[in-house]
Amino acid sequence: MPLRAETVEALNTTEEQLTKVLTKDVQEIFSSMVGVEDIMYLPPQMDLTSHFTNCLTAMVGLAGSHSGLVSIHVPWPLALSFTSLMLGMEVTEIDDDVNDAMGEIANMIAGSFKQHFSKGGKDIQLSTPSVVNGSDYTVTSAGDVENITLKFATDQEWFMVSLSLED
């Protein structure tokens, strides 16, 4: 379910403004940490999926004044490319290096996102990143959770970043 009006009001923003700052966060992280300048935000679409094929999902939990999960869903070829760029060497198979790199990207995105939910984000703690990787899987949230999902594209492929907040 998308973010409720009460949630964005409590954050003293609009969903459009929040989307804009979260998009900027993702683009800045990929520019500075991965060296990818051409991350393009794709406007919301009704077909955003929670079912993934040949993908990797890295997740970081949020706990404190706001609780939830930040996740990044990346197709395998793009995960290999991002990892290769981060490490400065060619990576050709999904391994611990890829899991670590994608977990670190999720961690950086979560750390950046939490700044928008409280003064300096100090009242929100982050979990250790977790990574799921598979040829066919679905990611779902249990309970009453609000979501904002951003879809991005490079010249190679698309990927998604999701923010889920517990009520």
Foldseek 3Di string as FASTA:
>chain_A
DADDPVQCVLLVHDPVVLVVQLVVQLQVCCCPQQVANFKAWDPDDPPDFQKDAQWKKKKKWKDFPWTWIKIKIGHPVVLQNSLCSNVVHHDDDDDPSSNVSRNVSSVSSVQSSCVSRDPNNPRMDMDRMDMDGHRIDGDDDDDDKHKDKIWIDGPPGIMIIMIIIHD
